Amino acid sequence: MTEIRRCSIAGVPPARVWALLLDVGQLEAWSPSTTAVEGPAQLSGVGDQFTQTVVVAGRSFSSRWRVERFEPERRIALSGKLLPGVSVEMDETLAEHAGGTEVCLTMRYKMPFGPVGRLAGRLGLAARAGAEAQQVLEQIVRAAEREPAVA
């Protein structure tokens, strides 16, 4: 599996970032390739599922995600299937850090060999995934820092 890991520091407590991670409807605002999300208003535990639609190289793809681990204000791990033979694991972790919260996003994915794998390579999928992971992380951090404090 290929792994991409990105981390950033949010100048807010973990609870503020955690609330945003649970709101998968916000993916459209954070991820430039996401065009639709269908699922619960908030993720609440292991087994929750949602569908994300993305556009890559002008083509629309839907993927089904499932919560695999759920540790409030610490970690949420998801697994998903994108295309035939393409599996993805997403791990979002929070840790207290001087002045706020370290937010890390780790993505592991396996591409099939054959036509789909070759196409992904030609499209620069790994580089695009890393750039988008960084952008999503930065959007989450910015949103957490501008949200009003939870009472």
Protein backbone atom coordinates (compact mmCIF):
# COMPACT_ATOMS: atom_id res chain seq x y z
CA MET A 1 0.00 0.00 0.00
CA THR A 2 1.09 3.54 -0.72
CA GLU A 3 0.94 5.91 2.27
CA ILE A 4 0.52 9.67 2.33
CA ARG A 5 0.74 11.51 5.67
CA ARG A 6 0.16 15.19 6.28
CA CYS A 7 0.06 17.04 9.63
CA SER A 8 -0.71 20.59 10.69
CA ILE A 9 -1.21 22.53 13.90
CA ALA A 10 -4.56 24.14 14.72
CA GLY A 11 -4.48 26.85 17.35
CA VAL A 12 -7.60 25.48 19.04
CA PRO A 13 -8.48 22.62 21.44
CA PRO A 14 -9.08 19.11 20.00
CA ALA A 15 -12.85 19.36 20.58
CA ARG A 16 -13.14 22.12 17.95
CA VAL A 17 -11.32 20.09 15.30
CA TRP A 18 -13.13 16.88 16.24
CA ALA A 19 -16.54 18.46 15.67
CA LEU A 20 -15.51 19.32 12.12
CA LEU A 21 -14.14 15.85 11.37
CA LEU A 22 -17.51 14.33 12.25
CA ASP A 23 -19.38 16.61 9.82
CA VAL A 24 -18.70 14.78 6.53
CA GLY A 25 -21.12 17.11 4.73
CA GLN A 26 -18.31 19.67 4.89
CA LEU A 27 -16.14 17.58 2.55
CA GLU A 28 -17.51 19.52 -0.40
CA ALA A 29 -16.13 22.74 1.11
CA TRP A 30 -12.72 21.27 1.96
CA SER A 31 -11.98 18.92 -0.94
CA PRO A 32 -11.79 20.45 -4.43
CA SER A 33 -12.54 17.12 -6.12
CA THR A 34 -15.63 16.34 -3.98
CA THR A 35 -18.93 17.18 -5.66
CA ALA A 36 -21.43 15.45 -3.34
CA VAL A 37 -21.68 13.64 -0.01
CA GLU A 38 -24.61 11.52 1.16
CA GLY A 39 -24.82 10.16 4.67
CA PRO A 40 -25.60 11.03 8.27
CA ALA A 41 -25.44 14.64 9.45
CA GLN A 42 -22.67 13.62 11.88
CA LEU A 43 -20.53 10.50 12.17
CA SER A 44 -21.17 8.97 15.59
CA GLY A 45 -19.29 5.69 15.78
CA VAL A 46 -17.94 2.53 14.21
CA GLY A 47 -20.12 1.27 11.37
CA ASP A 48 -21.38 4.68 10.20
CA GLN A 49 -21.23 5.02 6.41
CA PHE A 50 -21.38 7.74 3.79
CA THR A 51 -20.95 8.08 0.03
CA GLN A 52 -18.59 10.63 -1.49
CA THR A 53 -18.67 11.61 -5.18
CA VAL A 54 -15.48 13.05 -6.68
CA VAL A 55 -14.39 14.22 -10.10
CA VAL A 56 -10.95 13.09 -11.27
CA ALA A 57 -9.64 13.87 -14.75
CA GLY A 58 -13.12 14.96 -15.80
CA ARG A 59 -14.78 11.72 -14.69
CA SER A 60 -17.15 11.31 -11.75
CA PHE A 61 -16.63 8.47 -9.26
CA SER A 62 -18.55 7.52 -6.13
CA SER A 63 -16.97 5.81 -3.17
CA ARG A 64 -18.54 4.27 -0.09
CA TRP A 65 -16.80 4.96 3.24
CA ARG A 66 -17.20 3.17 6.57
CA VAL A 67 -15.99 4.22 10.03
CA GLU A 68 -13.63 1.51 11.31
CA ARG A 69 -12.26 3.15 14.49
CA PHE A 70 -13.78 5.91 16.57
CA GLU A 71 -11.94 7.40 19.56
CA PRO A 72 -13.65 10.70 20.50
CA GLU A 73 -11.41 13.75 20.14
CA ARG A 74 -8.45 11.48 19.26
CA ARG A 75 -8.97 9.37 16.15
CA ILE A 76 -11.36 8.41 13.39
CA ALA A 77 -10.36 5.77 10.84
CA LEU A 78 -12.29 5.13 7.62
CA SER A 79 -12.10 2.53 4.88
CA GLY A 80 -13.39 2.99 1.37
CA LYS A 81 -13.62 1.49 -2.09
CA LEU A 82 -13.15 3.86 -5.00
CA LEU A 83 -12.88 1.97 -8.26
CA PRO A 84 -12.77 -1.78 -8.83
CA GLY A 85 -9.65 -2.96 -7.06
CA VAL A 86 -8.86 0.41 -5.42
CA SER A 87 -9.09 0.35 -1.63
CA VAL A 88 -8.34 3.31 0.63
CA GLU A 89 -7.84 3.71 4.37
CA MET A 90 -8.05 7.19 5.90
CA ASP A 91 -6.85 7.83 9.45
CA GLU A 92 -7.43 11.23 11.05
CA THR A 93 -5.75 11.77 14.42
CA LEU A 94 -5.69 14.59 16.93
CA ALA A 95 -3.11 15.20 19.65
CA GLU A 96 -2.70 18.07 22.07
CA HIS A 97 0.18 20.27 21.06
CA ALA A 98 1.67 23.43 22.54
CA GLY A 99 -0.79 26.15 21.62
CA GLY A 100 -3.44 23.86 20.17
CA THR A 101 -3.92 20.55 18.39
CA GLU A 102 -1.78 18.57 15.98
CA VAL A 103 -4.07 17.26 13.25
CA CYS A 104 -2.74 14.42 11.09
CA LEU A 105 -4.29 12.86 8.02
CA THR A 106 -2.84 9.54 6.86
CA MET A 107 -4.11 7.94 3.67
CA ARG A 108 -3.17 4.43 2.59
CA TYR A 109 -4.29 3.12 -0.76
CA LYS A 110 -3.73 0.16 -3.01
CA MET A 111 -3.99 0.45 -6.77
CA PRO A 112 -4.59 -2.60 -8.91
CA PHE A 113 -2.20 -3.60 -11.61
CA GLY A 114 -3.44 -3.58 -15.16
CA PRO A 115 -5.30 -0.81 -16.95
CA VAL A 116 -6.68 0.99 -13.89
CA GLY A 117 -3.28 1.07 -12.18
CA ARG A 118 -1.53 2.28 -15.34
CA LEU A 119 -4.17 4.98 -15.87
CA ALA A 120 -3.79 6.18 -12.28
CA GLY A 121 -0.04 6.41 -12.75
CA ARG A 122 -0.41 8.45 -15.94
CA LEU A 123 -2.82 10.80 -14.21
CA GLY A 124 -0.32 11.37 -11.39
CA LEU A 125 -2.78 10.07 -8.81
CA ALA A 126 -0.24 9.80 -5.97
CA ALA A 127 0.91 13.42 -6.36
CA ARG A 128 -2.68 14.63 -6.70
CA ALA A 129 -3.77 12.65 -3.62
CA GLY A 130 -0.94 14.14 -1.55
CA ALA A 131 -1.71 17.68 -2.68
CA GLU A 132 -5.42 17.25 -2.00
CA ALA A 133 -4.76 15.69 1.43
CA GLN A 134 -2.71 18.78 2.34
CA GLN A 135 -5.42 21.11 1.06
CA VAL A 136 -8.17 19.29 2.97
CA LEU A 137 -6.08 19.39 6.15
CA GLU A 138 -5.43 23.13 5.76
CA GLN A 139 -9.15 23.79 5.19
CA ILE A 140 -10.08 21.85 8.34
CA VAL A 141 -7.52 23.77 10.40
CA ARG A 142 -8.74 27.13 9.04
CA ALA A 143 -12.37 26.22 9.68
CA ALA A 144 -11.58 25.12 13.26
CA GLU A 145 -9.73 28.35 13.96
CA ARG A 146 -12.55 30.56 12.70
CA GLU A 147 -15.47 28.64 14.27
CA PRO A 148 -16.88 30.15 17.47
CA ALA A 149 -15.92 28.33 20.66
CA VAL A 150 -18.23 25.53 21.74
CA ALA A 151 -20.11 26.50 24.92
